[in-house]
Amino acid sequence: VAVLNPGPPKKGASVSGLTCVHARPLRLDQPYGGVLIVSRSGGAGGLVDFEGGAAGAIVTPANNTCTFSSTGGTGSEPLGPAGSMVAKAGGSELADLCAALPFLAGGAGANGYRCSTGSAVLTEAGGSLKSASVIHAVAPAFAVEEGDPTTVEDNDEALTTTYSAAMELGRAGGMAYLAFPCSLLRDPTATGDARSVEQILAIGMGAIRASLYPELDEVHLVATDDAEEALLLKVLESSWDPDPFSMSLPAPGSIVSSSPNTSVKFETD
């Protein structure tokens, strides 16, 4: 007897240790393939409740030195709420794995840097984390200080490459299950004057969408509260393909794009 695939999970369904808020296909032309899921934790664990298993990775905000204490404290720079939560759950085992990462060559390495801004590194997980791997992603700081030569466009590009690097590590490692925090910024609210939180999330979603690979079954965007959930849902509507399981038919003559190669750019004054 043939069993039809029911499509993406419904709201409230338990998926990989998280609760589905909304799900839609990763690709409009493959509605029964992998799914993008806006998720919430059933408890207070947020991202660390993700159960990716042997083929799963948690993507967490990191600093350039990839250092932190096993109690969730930070190294040379803050990790933010999501990163500190992962650090605490990973414990001393994850801290030791990060400390074993090689230093970058040149001056960056002399500063103790193990990962450059706009990039990511992968380690095994540890402690109470329920995924095999952790991807440590170093996003730029959008709150540029006076005199800093970094432009908003520089930060846009660095944020895009941060997400792309994380996705590439997932692809190279054969990861079928990935979980991202709402934002990879270490301080999700410090976006500066030129970018809104919504624009930051749109850049991230665009980079994820442009970096999809065939082995992906689930990509979770994990909200920790109602405000993050509302933001993710709002940006999802404008940054991702329409949901074929709930969308009305397009108007005659309209075009719905299914190309995954979509990047997000904003005009600045």
Protein backbone atom coordinates (compact mmCIF):
# COMPACT_ATOMS: atom_id res chain seq x y z
CA VAL A 1 0.00 0.00 0.00
CA ALA A 2 1.45 3.35 -1.03
CA VAL A 3 1.74 5.93 1.74
CA LEU A 4 1.64 9.57 0.71
CA ASN A 5 4.17 11.92 2.25
CA PRO A 6 2.08 14.36 4.35
CA GLY A 7 4.41 17.26 3.64
CA PRO A 8 6.09 19.49 6.25
CA PRO A 9 5.25 18.96 9.93
CA LYS A 10 2.23 20.74 11.34
CA LYS A 11 2.28 23.47 13.96
CA GLY A 12 2.83 21.98 17.41
CA ALA A 13 4.47 18.79 16.13
CA SER A 14 7.63 17.60 17.88
CA VAL A 15 10.53 17.58 15.43
CA SER A 16 14.08 16.65 16.44
CA GLY A 17 13.47 17.63 20.06
CA LEU A 18 11.90 21.00 19.20
CA THR A 19 8.31 22.17 18.68
CA CYS A 20 7.33 23.20 15.17
CA VAL A 21 5.86 26.70 14.88
CA HIS A 22 5.80 26.80 11.09
CA ALA A 23 7.39 24.67 8.39
CA ARG A 24 7.68 24.88 4.65
CA PRO A 25 9.73 23.13 1.96
CA LEU A 26 13.35 24.12 1.54
CA ARG A 27 12.64 24.27 -2.20
CA LEU A 28 9.35 25.13 -3.85
CA ASP A 29 10.01 22.66 -6.66
CA GLN A 30 10.56 19.84 -4.12
CA PRO A 31 7.63 20.19 -1.68
CA TYR A 32 8.19 16.73 -0.22
CA GLY A 33 11.93 17.13 0.27
CA GLY A 34 13.74 18.88 3.13
CA VAL A 35 11.97 21.41 5.33
CA LEU A 36 12.74 24.78 6.88
CA ILE A 37 11.22 24.96 10.35
CA VAL A 38 10.71 27.89 12.69
CA SER A 39 10.97 26.09 16.03
CA ARG A 40 10.60 26.64 19.76
CA SER A 41 11.93 24.60 22.64
CA GLY A 42 9.48 22.85 24.90
CA GLY A 43 11.50 24.10 27.87
CA ALA A 44 13.99 26.86 28.47
CA GLY A 45 16.81 25.18 26.57
CA GLY A 46 16.19 26.75 23.17
CA LEU A 47 18.88 25.77 20.69
CA VAL A 48 20.49 23.19 22.99
CA ASP A 49 17.32 21.04 23.00
CA PHE A 50 17.85 20.26 19.32
CA GLU A 51 18.28 16.52 18.77
CA GLY A 52 20.23 16.32 15.52
CA GLY A 53 21.88 13.01 16.33
CA ALA A 54 24.83 11.63 14.41
CA ALA A 55 23.96 13.61 11.27
CA GLY A 56 23.13 16.86 13.04
CA ALA A 57 24.90 20.09 13.94
CA ILE A 58 24.06 23.09 16.08
CA VAL A 59 25.22 26.40 14.60
CA THR A 60 26.19 28.76 17.40
CA PRO A 61 27.51 32.33 17.60
CA ALA A 62 31.22 32.34 18.41
CA ASN A 63 34.04 34.80 18.98
CA ASN A 64 37.32 34.88 17.05
CA THR A 65 39.20 32.95 19.73
CA CYS A 66 36.50 30.27 20.02
CA THR A 67 37.03 30.31 23.78
CA PHE A 68 34.62 30.31 26.69
CA SER A 69 34.26 28.81 30.13
CA SER A 70 32.42 25.56 30.74
CA THR A 71 29.85 27.46 32.80
CA GLY A 72 28.78 29.55 29.83
CA GLY A 73 31.00 32.55 30.43
CA THR A 74 32.86 34.15 27.57
CA GLY A 75 36.38 34.44 26.29
CA SER A 76 37.72 37.67 24.84
CA GLU A 77 34.31 38.69 23.43
CA PRO A 78 30.70 37.99 24.44
CA LEU A 79 28.94 35.01 22.91
CA GLY A 80 25.43 36.35 23.44
CA PRO A 81 22.46 34.41 24.86
CA ALA A 82 22.45 31.58 22.30
CA GLY A 83 26.22 31.08 22.28
CA SER A 84 26.45 31.12 26.07
CA MET A 85 23.65 28.56 26.30
CA VAL A 86 25.49 26.20 23.94
CA ALA A 87 28.76 26.77 25.83
CA LYS A 88 27.12 25.89 29.14
CA ALA A 89 25.45 22.74 27.75
CA GLY A 90 28.66 21.63 26.02
CA GLY A 91 30.60 22.00 29.24
CA SER A 92 34.31 21.44 29.65
CA GLU A 93 34.33 18.85 26.86
CA LEU A 94 33.24 21.40 24.25
CA ALA A 95 35.55 24.04 25.73
CA ASP A 96 38.51 21.66 25.37
CA LEU A 97 37.55 20.81 21.79
CA CYS A 98 37.49 24.52 20.92
CA ALA A 99 40.80 25.14 22.67
CA ALA A 100 42.32 22.39 20.51
CA LEU A 101 41.40 24.18 17.28
CA PRO A 102 44.48 25.48 15.42
CA PHE A 103 45.33 29.17 15.47
CA LEU A 104 45.03 31.15 12.26
CA ALA A 105 48.26 31.98 10.43
CA GLY A 106 49.93 35.35 10.80
CA GLY A 107 48.91 38.20 13.03
CA ALA A 108 45.41 36.90 13.62
CA GLY A 109 46.83 33.72 15.10
CA ALA A 110 49.20 35.73 17.24
CA ASN A 111 46.11 37.38 18.71
CA GLY A 112 44.74 33.97 19.62
CA TYR A 113 42.26 33.89 16.74
CA ARG A 114 41.07 30.47 15.61
CA CYS A 115 38.31 31.70 13.29
CA SER A 116 38.10 34.88 11.25
CA THR A 117 35.02 37.08 11.14
CA GLY A 118 32.70 35.93 8.38
CA SER A 119 33.78 32.32 8.72
CA ALA A 120 33.03 29.23 10.80
CA VAL A 121 34.75 26.17 12.27
CA LEU A 122 33.41 22.77 13.28
CA THR A 123 34.04 20.66 16.37
CA GLU A 124 32.44 17.62 17.85
CA ALA A 125 29.79 18.37 20.45
CA GLY A 126 30.08 17.57 24.15
CA GLY A 127 28.32 17.71 27.47
CA SER A 128 24.55 17.40 27.23
CA LEU A 129 24.28 18.49 23.60
CA LYS A 130 22.25 16.03 21.51
CA SER A 131 23.90 16.59 18.13
CA ALA A 132 27.17 15.15 16.92
CA SER A 133 28.71 18.47 15.93
CA VAL A 134 28.79 22.16 16.72
CA ILE A 135 29.50 24.76 14.05
CA HIS A 136 31.03 27.88 15.61
CA ALA A 137 30.18 30.89 13.41
CA VAL A 138 31.78 34.31 13.84
CA ALA A 139 29.45 37.01 12.55
CA PRO A 140 30.40 40.70 12.26
CA ALA A 141 29.41 43.37 14.74
CA PHE A 142 27.01 45.74 13.00
CA ALA A 143 27.22 48.43 15.67
CA VAL A 144 30.26 50.07 14.05
CA GLU A 145 32.18 52.46 16.27
CA GLU A 146 33.10 55.94 15.10
CA GLY A 147 36.30 55.89 13.07
CA ASP A 148 35.95 52.23 12.10
CA PRO A 149 36.59 51.92 8.33
CA THR A 150 34.21 48.96 8.08
CA THR A 151 31.17 49.82 5.98
CA VAL A 152 27.64 48.52 6.28
CA GLU A 153 28.15 46.71 2.98
CA ASP A 154 31.27 45.05 4.42
CA ASN A 155 29.19 43.76 7.31
CA ASP A 156 26.42 42.57 4.98
CA GLU A 157 28.97 40.54 3.03
CA ALA A 158 30.63 39.18 6.17
CA LEU A 159 27.27 38.10 7.60
CA THR A 160 26.39 36.36 4.34
CA THR A 161 29.69 34.50 4.30
CA THR A 162 29.23 33.54 7.97
CA TYR A 163 26.01 31.70 7.16
CA SER A 164 27.44 30.33 3.91
CA ALA A 165 30.51 28.99 5.72
CA ALA A 166 28.31 27.27 8.30
CA MET A 167 26.23 25.69 5.55
CA GLU A 168 29.35 24.54 3.71
CA LEU A 169 30.65 22.84 6.86
CA GLY A 170 27.29 21.13 7.16
CA ARG A 171 27.47 19.96 3.56
CA ALA A 172 31.08 18.76 3.86
CA GLY A 173 30.21 16.85 7.04
CA GLY A 174 27.14 15.21 5.54
CA MET A 175 24.84 16.93 8.04
CA ALA A 176 21.16 16.31 7.29
CA TYR A 177 19.92 18.27 10.31
CA LEU A 178 20.97 21.82 11.17
CA ALA A 179 19.73 24.19 13.86
CA PHE A 180 20.45 27.93 13.83
CA PRO A 181 19.60 30.46 16.54
CA CYS A 182 17.29 33.29 15.57
CA SER A 183 20.39 35.37 14.76
CA LEU A 184 24.10 34.56 14.55
CA LEU A 185 25.03 38.01 15.89
CA ARG A 186 26.58 37.68 19.32
CA ASP A 187 24.34 40.58 20.37
CA PRO A 188 21.22 40.17 18.18
CA THR A 189 19.89 43.63 19.06
CA ALA A 190 23.12 45.56 18.34
CA THR A 191 22.54 46.10 14.63
CA GLY A 192 23.59 49.73 14.40
CA ASP A 193 21.59 52.48 12.71
CA ALA A 194 21.86 51.22 9.13
CA ARG A 195 20.25 47.80 9.55
CA SER A 196 17.14 46.62 11.34
CA VAL A 197 16.90 43.26 13.07
CA GLU A 198 14.55 42.17 10.27
CA GLN A 199 17.16 43.02 7.64
CA ILE A 200 19.82 41.08 9.54
CA LEU A 201 17.57 38.01 9.65
CA ALA A 202 16.73 38.40 5.95
CA ILE A 203 20.43 38.36 5.07
CA GLY A 204 20.85 35.15 7.07
CA MET A 205 17.86 33.44 5.50
CA GLY A 206 19.00 34.47 2.04
CA ALA A 207 22.44 32.98 2.64
CA ILE A 208 20.94 29.73 3.95
CA ARG A 209 18.67 29.52 0.93
CA ALA A 210 21.55 30.11 -1.47
CA SER A 211 23.62 27.36 0.21
CA LEU A 212 21.14 24.49 0.32
CA TYR A 213 22.44 21.03 -0.52
CA PRO A 214 20.63 17.79 -1.45
CA GLU A 215 21.36 15.91 1.79
CA LEU A 216 19.51 18.41 3.98
CA ASP A 217 16.36 17.09 5.64
CA GLU A 218 15.73 19.80 8.25
CA VAL A 219 16.94 23.34 8.86
CA HIS A 220 15.64 24.80 12.12
CA LEU A 221 15.53 28.50 13.00
CA VAL A 222 15.08 28.40 16.76
CA ALA A 223 13.22 31.15 18.57
CA THR A 224 13.63 31.54 22.32
CA ASP A 225 10.62 33.79 22.94
CA ASP A 226 7.50 35.22 21.32
CA ALA A 227 9.35 38.25 19.96
CA GLU A 228 11.93 36.14 18.11
CA GLU A 229 9.21 33.83 16.84
CA ALA A 230 7.25 36.77 15.41
CA LEU A 231 10.38 38.20 13.76
CA LEU A 232 11.32 34.91 12.15
CA LEU A 233 7.81 34.37 10.80
CA LYS A 234 7.67 37.91 9.44
CA VAL A 235 11.00 37.64 7.65
CA LEU A 236 10.21 34.15 6.40
CA GLU A 237 7.20 35.47 4.50
CA SER A 238 9.33 37.94 2.57
CA SER A 239 12.57 35.95 2.23
CA TRP A 240 11.49 32.41 1.33
CA ASP A 241 9.38 30.70 -1.30
CA PRO A 242 5.63 30.66 -0.63
CA ASP A 243 4.30 27.67 1.28
CA PRO A 244 2.70 25.38 -1.35
CA PHE A 245 0.60 23.69 1.34
CA SER A 246 -1.14 26.86 2.48
CA MET A 247 -0.71 29.35 -0.37
CA SER A 248 -3.55 30.36 -2.65
CA LEU A 249 -3.05 29.97 -6.37
CA PRO A 250 -0.94 32.75 -7.90
CA ALA A 251 -2.72 35.37 -9.94
CA PRO A 252 -2.82 34.80 -13.71
CA GLY A 253 0.43 35.86 -15.33
CA SER A 254 2.36 36.05 -12.04
CA ILE A 255 5.70 34.32 -11.61
CA VAL A 256 6.80 32.37 -8.56
CA SER A 257 10.57 31.85 -8.45
CA SER A 258 11.97 28.56 -7.19
CA SER A 259 15.63 29.40 -7.65
CA PRO A 260 17.65 28.82 -4.46
CA ASN A 261 20.35 31.22 -5.60
CA THR A 262 18.89 34.26 -3.92
CA SER A 263 20.94 36.82 -2.05
CA VAL A 264 19.58 39.74 -0.06
CA LYS A 265 20.92 43.24 -0.61
CA PHE A 266 19.75 46.57 0.74
CA GLU A 267 20.22 50.08 -0.53
CA THR A 268 21.89 52.54 1.83
CA ASP A 269 21.67 56.27 1.80
